[in-house]
C-alpha atoms as a PDB file:
ATOM      1  CA  MET A   1     -18.408  30.940 -16.679  1.00  0.00           C
ATOM      2  CA  PRO A   2     -15.492  32.161 -14.523  1.00  0.00           C
ATOM      3  CA  ASP A   3     -13.368  35.135 -15.517  1.00  0.00           C
ATOM      4  CA  PRO A   4     -10.243  34.019 -17.448  1.00  0.00           C
ATOM      5  CA  LYS A   5      -8.096  35.773 -14.810  1.00  0.00           C
ATOM      6  CA  ASP A   6      -9.627  33.688 -12.044  1.00  0.00           C
ATOM      7  CA  ARG A   7      -6.997  31.313 -10.657  1.00  0.00           C
ATOM      8  CA  LYS A   8      -9.521  28.454 -10.857  1.00  0.00           C
ATOM      9  CA  ALA A   9     -10.296  29.088 -14.519  1.00  0.00           C
ATOM     10  CA  PRO A  10      -8.818  26.618 -17.066  1.00  0.00           C
ATOM     11  CA  LEU A  11      -5.884  27.774 -19.176  1.00  0.00           C
ATOM     12  CA  PHE A  12      -5.013  25.896 -22.353  1.00  0.00           C
ATOM     13  CA  LYS A  13      -1.368  26.189 -23.393  1.00  0.00           C
ATOM     14  CA  GLY A  14      -1.421  23.562 -26.131  1.00  0.00           C
ATOM     15  CA  LYS A  15      -0.997  20.449 -23.975  1.00  0.00           C
ATOM     16  CA  ASP A  16      -3.475  18.110 -22.303  1.00  0.00           C
ATOM     17  CA  VAL A  17      -6.244  19.012 -24.738  1.00  0.00           C
ATOM     18  CA  PHE A  18      -8.539  16.274 -23.404  1.00  0.00           C
ATOM     19  CA  ASP A  19      -8.391  17.741 -19.911  1.00  0.00           C
ATOM     20  CA  PHE A  20      -9.101  21.195 -21.324  1.00  0.00           C
ATOM     21  CA  VAL A  21     -12.269  20.248 -23.192  1.00  0.00           C
ATOM     22  CA  GLN A  22     -13.498  18.229 -20.211  1.00  0.00           C
ATOM     23  CA  SER A  23     -12.943  21.244 -17.955  1.00  0.00           C
ATOM     24  CA  LEU A  24     -15.021  23.427 -20.269  1.00  0.00           C
ATOM     25  CA  GLU A  25     -17.838  20.878 -20.279  1.00  0.00           C
ATOM     26  CA  HIS A  26     -17.723  20.627 -16.490  1.00  0.00           C
ATOM     27  CA  LEU A  27     -17.977  24.416 -16.148  1.00  0.00           C
ATOM     28  CA  ALA A  28     -20.860  24.520 -18.611  1.00  0.00           C
ATOM     29  CA  ARG A  29     -22.807  21.961 -16.562  1.00  0.00           C
ATOM     30  CA  ALA A  30     -22.067  23.828 -13.337  1.00  0.00           C
ATOM     31  CA  CYS A  31     -23.326  27.080 -14.878  1.00  0.00           C
ATOM     32  CA  GLY A  32     -26.363  25.518 -16.514  1.00  0.00           C
ATOM     33  CA  MET A  33     -25.047  26.456 -19.950  1.00  0.00           C
ATOM     34  CA  GLU A  34     -25.733  24.634 -23.190  1.00  0.00           C
ATOM     35  CA  PHE A  35     -22.701  23.038 -24.850  1.00  0.00           C
ATOM     36  CA  SER A  36     -23.598  24.868 -28.033  1.00  0.00           C
ATOM     37  CA  GLU A  37     -22.298  28.059 -26.380  1.00  0.00           C
ATOM     38  CA  LEU A  38     -18.873  26.618 -25.531  1.00  0.00           C
ATOM     39  CA  PRO A  39     -17.103  27.300 -28.883  1.00  0.00           C
ATOM     40  CA  GLY A  40     -17.292  31.025 -28.188  1.00  0.00           C
ATOM     41  CA  TYR A  41     -15.497  30.562 -24.837  1.00  0.00           C
ATOM     42  CA  VAL A  42     -12.510  28.545 -26.100  1.00  0.00           C
ATOM     43  CA  LEU A  43     -10.268  31.480 -27.001  1.00  0.00           C
ATOM     44  CA  ARG A  44     -10.967  33.183 -23.678  1.00  0.00           C
ATOM     45  CA  TYR A  45      -9.296  30.319 -21.849  1.00  0.00           C
ATOM     46  CA  CYS A  46      -6.266  29.934 -24.101  1.00  0.00           C
ATOM     47  CA  SER A  47      -2.761  31.345 -23.743  1.00  0.00           C
ATOM     48  CA  GLN A  48      -1.768  34.080 -26.181  1.00  0.00           C
ATOM     49  CA  ASN A  49       0.306  31.707 -28.304  1.00  0.00           C
ATOM     50  CA  VAL A  50      -2.568  29.225 -28.674  1.00  0.00           C
ATOM     51  CA  ARG A  51      -5.017  32.048 -29.305  1.00  0.00           C
ATOM     52  CA  ASP A  52      -2.893  33.269 -32.205  1.00  0.00           C
ATOM     53  CA  VAL A  53      -3.130  29.790 -33.763  1.00  0.00           C
ATOM     54  CA  LEU A  54      -6.864  29.343 -33.262  1.00  0.00           C
ATOM     55  CA  VAL A  55      -8.118  32.851 -33.917  1.00  0.00           C
ATOM     56  CA  ASN A  56      -9.060  32.064 -37.515  1.00  0.00           C
ATOM     57  CA  GLU A  57     -10.724  28.701 -36.837  1.00  0.00           C
ATOM     58  CA  ASN A  58     -14.313  29.095 -38.050  1.00  0.00           C
ATOM     59  CA  VAL A  59     -15.677  26.305 -35.847  1.00  0.00           C
ATOM     60  CA  LEU A  60     -14.944  28.438 -32.784  1.00  0.00           C
ATOM     61  CA  ALA A  61     -17.300  31.121 -34.060  1.00  0.00           C
ATOM     62  CA  GLY A  62     -20.251  28.735 -34.456  1.00  0.00           C
ATOM     63  CA  HIS A  63     -22.411  26.685 -32.112  1.00  0.00           C
ATOM     64  CA  ASP A  64     -21.308  23.139 -32.908  1.00  0.00           C
ATOM     65  CA  TRP A  65     -19.380  22.098 -29.815  1.00  0.00           C
ATOM     66  CA  LEU A  66     -18.709  18.578 -31.117  1.00  0.00           C
ATOM     67  CA  ALA A  67     -17.047  20.014 -34.231  1.00  0.00           C
ATOM     68  CA  ALA A  68     -15.066  22.549 -32.178  1.00  0.00           C
ATOM     69  CA  LYS A  69     -13.918  19.863 -29.729  1.00  0.00           C
ATOM     70  CA  SER A  70     -12.907  17.528 -32.542  1.00  0.00           C
ATOM     71  CA  ARG A  71     -10.905  20.311 -34.169  1.00  0.00           C
ATOM     72  CA  LEU A  72      -9.019  21.074 -30.937  1.00  0.00           C
ATOM     73  CA  ILE A  73      -8.170  17.416 -30.472  1.00  0.00           C
ATOM     74  CA  PHE A  74      -7.084  17.117 -34.106  1.00  0.00           C
ATOM     75  CA  LEU A  75      -4.693  20.060 -33.739  1.00  0.00           C
ATOM     76  CA  TYR A  76      -3.244  19.308 -30.294  1.00  0.00           C
ATOM     77  CA  GLU A  77      -3.600  15.591 -29.599  1.00  0.00           C
ATOM     78  CA  SER A  78       0.005  14.865 -30.575  1.00  0.00           C
ATOM     79  CA  GLN A  79       1.219  17.422 -28.013  1.00  0.00           C
ATOM     80  CA  THR A  80      -0.696  15.734 -25.201  1.00  0.00           C
ATOM     81  CA  LEU A  81       1.506  13.570 -23.009  1.00  0.00           C
ATOM     82  CA  ARG A  82      -0.590  10.458 -22.540  1.00  0.00           C
ATOM     83  CA  PHE A  83       0.502   6.847 -22.131  1.00  0.00           C
ATOM     84  CA  LYS A  84      -0.431   4.663 -25.078  1.00  0.00           C
ATOM     85  CA  ALA A  85      -0.848   0.962 -24.317  1.00  0.00           C
ATOM     86  CA  THR A  86       0.211  -1.566 -26.949  1.00  0.00           C
ATOM     87  CA  THR A  87       0.067  -5.358 -26.996  1.00  0.00           C
ATOM     88  CA  SER A  88       3.837  -5.626 -27.507  1.00  0.00           C
ATOM     89  CA  LYS A  89       4.661  -3.415 -24.496  1.00  0.00           C
ATOM     90  CA  PHE A  90       2.083  -5.168 -22.343  1.00  0.00           C
ATOM     91  CA  ARG A  91       3.370  -8.645 -23.167  1.00  0.00           C
ATOM     92  CA  ALA A  92       6.956  -7.557 -22.603  1.00  0.00           C
ATOM     93  CA  PHE A  93       6.028  -6.266 -19.150  1.00  0.00           C
ATOM     94  CA  ALA A  94       4.081  -9.455 -18.326  1.00  0.00           C
ATOM     95  CA  GLU A  95       6.971 -11.676 -19.416  1.00  0.00           C
ATOM     96  CA  LYS A  96       9.425  -9.666 -17.312  1.00  0.00           C
ATOM     97  CA  GLN A  97       7.215 -10.045 -14.229  1.00  0.00           C
ATOM     98  CA  LYS A  98       6.827 -13.768 -14.872  1.00  0.00           C
ATOM     99  CA  LYS A  99      10.606 -14.234 -14.777  1.00  0.00           C
ATOM    100  CA  LYS A 100      11.160 -11.984 -11.753  1.00  0.00           C
ATOM    101  CA  SER A 101       8.129 -10.685  -9.891  1.00  0.00           C
ATOM    102  CA  MET A 102       8.286  -7.247  -8.316  1.00  0.00           C
ATOM    103  CA  VAL A 103       5.897  -8.431  -5.581  1.00  0.00           C
ATOM    104  CA  LYS A 104       7.530  -8.777  -2.164  1.00  0.00           C
ATOM    105  CA  ASP A 105       4.830  -7.528   0.215  1.00  0.00           C
ATOM    106  CA  ARG A 106       1.419  -5.832   0.308  1.00  0.00           C
ATOM    107  CA  LYS A 107       2.815  -2.472  -0.825  1.00  0.00           C
ATOM    108  CA  SER A 108       4.665  -3.885  -3.837  1.00  0.00           C
ATOM    109  CA  LEU A 109       1.603  -6.026  -4.642  1.00  0.00           C
ATOM    110  CA  ASP A 110      -0.539  -2.911  -5.069  1.00  0.00           C
ATOM    111  CA  LYS A 111       2.209  -1.258  -7.131  1.00  0.00           C
ATOM    112  CA  TYR A 112       2.295  -4.306  -9.387  1.00  0.00           C
ATOM    113  CA  ARG A 113      -1.463  -4.221  -9.878  1.00  0.00           C
ATOM    114  CA  ASN A 114      -1.468  -0.512 -10.777  1.00  0.00           C
ATOM    115  CA  ARG A 115       1.448  -0.900 -13.191  1.00  0.00           C
ATOM    116  CA  PHE A 116      -0.248  -3.918 -14.770  1.00  0.00           C
ATOM    117  CA  VAL A 117      -3.482  -1.986 -15.343  1.00  0.00           C
ATOM    118  CA  LYS A 118      -1.540   0.932 -16.813  1.00  0.00           C
ATOM    119  CA  GLU A 119       0.309  -1.306 -19.261  1.00  0.00           C
ATOM    120  CA  LEU A 120      -2.970  -3.015 -20.176  1.00  0.00           C
ATOM    121  CA  GLY A 121      -4.856   0.208 -20.890  1.00  0.00           C
ATOM    122  CA  ASP A 122      -7.947  -0.416 -23.027  1.00  0.00           C
ATOM    123  CA  LEU A 123      -6.482  -3.311 -25.028  1.00  0.00           C
ATOM    124  CA  VAL A 124      -9.282  -5.657 -23.945  1.00  0.00           C
ATOM    125  CA  GLU A 125     -11.993  -3.139 -24.827  1.00  0.00           C
ATOM    126  CA  GLN A 126     -10.340  -2.635 -28.203  1.00  0.00           C
ATOM    127  CA  SER A 127     -10.334  -6.422 -28.741  1.00  0.00           C
ATOM    128  CA  GLN A 128      -6.562  -6.407 -29.154  1.00  0.00           C
ATOM    129  CA  ILE A 129      -6.028  -8.956 -26.400  1.00  0.00           C
ATOM    130  CA  ALA A 130      -8.209 -11.662 -24.826  1.00  0.00           C
ATOM    131  CA  ASP A 131      -9.437 -11.435 -21.263  1.00  0.00           C
ATOM    132  CA  LYS A 132      -8.123 -14.927 -20.453  1.00  0.00           C
ATOM    133  CA  GLU A 133      -4.615 -13.956 -21.537  1.00  0.00           C
ATOM    134  CA  VAL A 134      -4.804 -10.930 -19.238  1.00  0.00           C
ATOM    135  CA  ARG A 135      -5.909 -13.013 -16.246  1.00  0.00           C
ATOM    136  CA  ILE A 136      -3.140 -15.546 -16.796  1.00  0.00           C
ATOM    137  CA  ALA A 137      -0.540 -12.804 -17.278  1.00  0.00           C
ATOM    138  CA  PHE A 138      -1.506 -11.093 -14.022  1.00  0.00           C
ATOM    139  CA  PHE A 139      -1.437 -14.401 -12.128  1.00  0.00           C
ATOM    140  CA  ARG A 140       1.975 -15.379 -13.505  1.00  0.00           C
ATOM    141  CA  GLY A 141       3.373 -12.028 -12.434  1.00  0.00           C
ATOM    142  CA  LEU A 142       2.975 -13.030  -8.777  1.00  0.00           C
ATOM    143  CA  PRO A 143       5.724 -14.909  -6.860  1.00  0.00           C
ATOM    144  CA  LYS A 144       5.887 -18.618  -7.721  1.00  0.00           C
ATOM    145  CA  LYS A 145       4.903 -19.651  -4.196  1.00  0.00           C
ATOM    146  CA  MET A 146       1.505 -17.992  -4.715  1.00  0.00           C
ATOM    147  CA  ARG A 147       0.649 -19.621  -8.036  1.00  0.00           C
ATOM    148  CA  ASP A 148      -1.704 -22.474  -7.232  1.00  0.00           C
ATOM    149  CA  SER A 149      -4.119 -22.455 -10.165  1.00  0.00           C
ATOM    150  CA  ARG A 150      -3.858 -23.094 -13.890  1.00  0.00           C
ATOM    151  CA  ASP A 151      -7.072 -21.220 -14.654  1.00  0.00           C
ATOM    152  CA  PRO A 152      -6.959 -18.083 -12.460  1.00  0.00           C
ATOM    153  CA  PRO A 153     -10.120 -16.050 -11.816  1.00  0.00           C
ATOM    154  CA  SER A 154     -10.438 -12.293 -12.422  1.00  0.00           C
ATOM    155  CA  ILE A 155      -7.699  -9.826 -11.500  1.00  0.00           C
ATOM    156  CA  ASP A 156      -9.739  -8.476  -8.580  1.00  0.00           C
ATOM    157  CA  GLU A 157     -10.262 -11.971  -7.157  1.00  0.00           C
ATOM    158  CA  VAL A 158      -6.578 -12.835  -7.480  1.00  0.00           C
ATOM    159  CA  LEU A 159      -5.666  -9.493  -5.934  1.00  0.00           C
ATOM    160  CA  GLU A 160      -7.976 -10.092  -2.984  1.00  0.00           C
ATOM    161  CA  ALA A 161      -6.444 -13.507  -2.338  1.00  0.00           C
ATOM    162  CA  ALA A 162      -2.924 -12.100  -2.644  1.00  0.00           C
ATOM    163  CA  ARG A 163      -3.725  -9.283  -0.235  1.00  0.00           C
ATOM    164  CA  ASP A 164      -5.017 -11.850   2.230  1.00  0.00           C
ATOM    165  CA  TYR A 165      -1.709 -13.692   1.871  1.00  0.00           C
ATOM    166  CA  TYR A 166       0.123 -10.497   2.758  1.00  0.00           C
ATOM    167  CA  SER A 167      -2.289  -9.609   5.561  1.00  0.00           C
ATOM    168  CA  SER A 168      -1.089  -7.774   8.662  1.00  0.00           C
ATOM    169  CA  ASP A 169      -1.334 -10.966  10.753  1.00  0.00           C
ATOM    170  CA  ARG A 170       0.978 -12.824   8.407  1.00  0.00           C
ATOM    171  CA  LEU A 171       3.398  -9.911   8.360  1.00  0.00           C
ATOM    172  CA  GLU A 172       3.495  -9.824  12.163  1.00  0.00           C
ATOM    173  CA  GLU A 173       3.969 -13.598  12.273  1.00  0.00           C
ATOM    174  CA  GLU A 174       6.862 -13.450   9.842  1.00  0.00           C
ATOM    175  CA  THR A 175       8.400 -10.501  11.681  1.00  0.00           C
ATOM    176  CA  ASP A 176       8.222 -12.357  15.010  1.00  0.00           C
ATOM    177  CA  SER A 177       9.798 -15.424  13.407  1.00  0.00           C
ATOM    178  CA  ASP A 178      12.618 -13.353  11.958  1.00  0.00           C
ATOM    179  CA  SER A 179      13.160 -11.725  15.354  1.00  0.00           C
ATOM    180  CA  GLU A 180      13.407 -15.111  17.082  1.00  0.00           C
ATOM    181  CA  ASP A 181      15.880 -16.365  14.492  1.00  0.00           C
ATOM    182  CA  SER A 182      17.943 -13.222  14.958  1.00  0.00           C
ATOM    183  CA  ASP A 183      17.937 -13.637  18.755  1.00  0.00           C
ATOM    184  CA  THR A 184      19.014 -17.263  18.391  1.00  0.00           C
ATOM    185  CA  ASP A 185      21.878 -16.344  16.114  1.00  0.00           C
ATOM    186  CA  ASP A 186      23.025 -13.566  18.427  1.00  0.00           C
ATOM    187  CA  SER A 187      22.861 -15.786  21.519  1.00  0.00           C
ATOM    188  CA  ASP A 188      25.187 -18.305  19.858  1.00  0.00           C
ATOM    189  CA  LYS A 189      27.788 -15.585  19.573  1.00  0.00           C
ATOM    190  CA  VAL A 190      27.674 -14.497  23.242  1.00  0.00           C
ATOM    191  CA  PRO A 191      30.819 -15.412  25.217  1.00  0.00           C
ATOM    192  CA  GLU A 192      30.470 -18.083  27.912  1.00  0.00           C
ATOM    193  CA  ASP A 193      31.002 -15.580  30.740  1.00  0.00           C
ATOM    194  CA  ASN A 194      28.184 -13.377  29.468  1.00  0.00           C
ATOM    195  CA  ALA A 195      25.920 -16.414  29.096  1.00  0.00           C
ATOM    196  CA  ARG A 196      26.602 -17.336  32.733  1.00  0.00           C
ATOM    197  CA  GLN A 197      25.739 -13.802  33.805  1.00  0.00           C
ATOM    198  CA  LYS A 198      22.423 -14.051  32.000  1.00  0.00           C
ATOM    199  CA  THR A 199      21.414 -17.054  34.141  1.00  0.00           C
ATOM    200  CA  ASP A 200      21.469 -14.794  37.208  1.00  0.00           C
ATOM    201  CA  VAL A 201      18.946 -12.422  35.697  1.00  0.00           C
ATOM    202  CA  SER A 202      15.195 -12.844  36.321  1.00  0.00           C
ATOM    203  CA  ARG A 203      13.457 -14.967  33.672  1.00  0.00           C
ATOM    204  CA  LEU A 204       9.863 -15.481  32.695  1.00  0.00           C
ATOM    205  CA  LYS A 205       8.375 -18.618  34.224  1.00  0.00           C
ATOM    206  CA  THR A 206       4.996 -20.275  34.245  1.00  0.00           C
ATOM    207  CA  GLY A 207       2.982 -19.694  37.412  1.00  0.00           C
ATOM    208  CA  PRO A 208       1.296 -22.395  39.529  1.00  0.00           C
ATOM    209  CA  LYS A 209      -1.288 -24.504  37.690  1.00  0.00           C
ATOM    210  CA  GLY A 210      -0.646 -22.496  34.552  1.00  0.00           C
ATOM    211  CA  THR A 211      -2.733 -19.596  35.864  1.00  0.00           C
ATOM    212  CA  GLY A 212      -0.316 -16.905  34.812  1.00  0.00           C
ATOM    213  CA  LEU A 213       3.244 -15.689  34.511  1.00  0.00           C
ATOM    214  CA  ARG A 214       5.759 -14.666  37.157  1.00  0.00           C
ATOM    215  CA  PHE A 215       9.377 -13.513  37.268  1.00  0.00           C
ATOM    216  CA  THR A 216      11.902 -15.648  39.308  1.00  0.00           C
ATOM    217  CA  SER A 217      15.675 -15.852  39.602  1.00  0.00           C
ATOM    218  CA  ASP A 218      17.994 -18.853  39.900  1.00  0.00           C
ATOM    219  CA  LEU A 219      18.434 -18.146  43.628  1.00  0.00           C
ATOM    220  CA  GLN A 220      14.677 -18.265  44.167  1.00  0.00           C
ATOM    221  CA  GLU A 221      14.431 -21.500  42.209  1.00  0.00           C
ATOM    222  CA  SER A 222      17.098 -23.198  44.435  1.00  0.00           C
ATOM    223  CA  VAL A 223      15.477 -22.286  47.820  1.00  0.00           C
ATOM    224  CA  SER A 224      12.342 -23.954  49.224  1.00  0.00           C
ATOM    225  CA  ILE A 225      10.046 -21.219  50.471  1.00  0.00           C
ATOM    226  CA  GLU A 226       8.092 -23.621  52.715  1.00  0.00           C
ATOM    227  CA  GLY A 227      11.267 -25.021  54.271  1.00  0.00           C
ATOM    228  CA  LEU A 228      12.596 -21.546  54.928  1.00  0.00           C
ATOM    229  CA  GLN A 229       9.288 -20.593  56.582  1.00  0.00           C
ATOM    230  CA  ASP A 230       9.392 -23.654  58.904  1.00  0.00           C
ATOM    231  CA  GLN A 231      12.956 -22.851  59.847  1.00  0.00           C
ATOM    232  CA  ILE A 232      12.086 -19.271  60.763  1.00  0.00           C
ATOM    233  CA  LEU A 233       9.013 -20.261  62.812  1.00  0.00           C
ATOM    234  CA  GLY A 234      11.021 -22.927  64.672  1.00  0.00           C
ATOM    235  CA  THR A 235      13.779 -20.551  65.757  1.00  0.00           C
ATOM    236  CA  LYS A 236      13.967 -20.071  69.580  1.00  0.00           C
ATOM    237  CA  VAL A 237      13.626 -16.467  70.779  1.00  0.00           C
ATOM    238  CA  THR A 238      14.796 -15.239  74.261  1.00  0.00           C
ATOM    239  CA  LEU A 239      12.783 -12.413  75.831  1.00  0.00           C
ATOM    240  CA  THR A 240      12.979 -10.620  79.205  1.00  0.00           C
ATOM    241  CA  LEU A 241       9.991 -10.524  81.572  1.00  0.00           C
ATOM    242  CA  ARG A 242       9.577  -6.820  80.865  1.00  0.00           C
ATOM    243  CA  GLU A 243       9.337  -7.491  77.085  1.00  0.00           C
ATOM    244  CA  VAL A 244       6.797 -10.268  77.671  1.00  0.00           C
ATOM    245  CA  LEU A 245       4.628  -8.004  79.867  1.00  0.00           C
ATOM    246  CA  ALA A 246       4.884  -5.232  77.252  1.00  0.00           C
ATOM    247  CA  MET A 247       3.637  -7.583  74.489  1.00  0.00           C
ATOM    248  CA  SER A 248       0.635  -8.704  76.579  1.00  0.00           C
END
């Protein structure tokens, strides 16, 4: 077992008693120690204030770790900050999400799932709430546009389908659509003079036979390249005899 002064050694100050006893058990396994020896190590890993309270506890002088652990939990459980799930709090949360879902995208979807599981706690295991009610509650907490079943499957299956809905491809598609709408709105607001100037700028056009893309301007579109070539080749050129001999 590590020295109490070691920075990695556990230190019990009266809170989080469950974490403390689990840390002692973990250390015992790592050291190959029997749990029956743990009661004698409890005080070593306690703050002075806690040590003063526990110093006269007989169970810490014996070899019954289960009794010692139970005694620690009995004395300090109320001082442990741990969320306690209840059916009333869970149903209130589910009803709130049904009326106005917190889900807007993939990130908020995962936040919703984690909050839902936290509020649920171990209510199903404790038989305080039925599994079907939980599945329906999770499903109804999604946006209305995603509710397409009256008998939803498990939470994991619903979550997988919802994540697919908010996949990266869909996000990119929606972003592109929003961008196009924004460009359209902005173009409607451009003055006529500016719009005329934009027609002089190179635009993206489809190449011959749809083989690719090319940039052209309005000037290029109004001039026949073949006609211009014929005109150039048909132009008469006057040369001196010296220039003709030099070319040959």
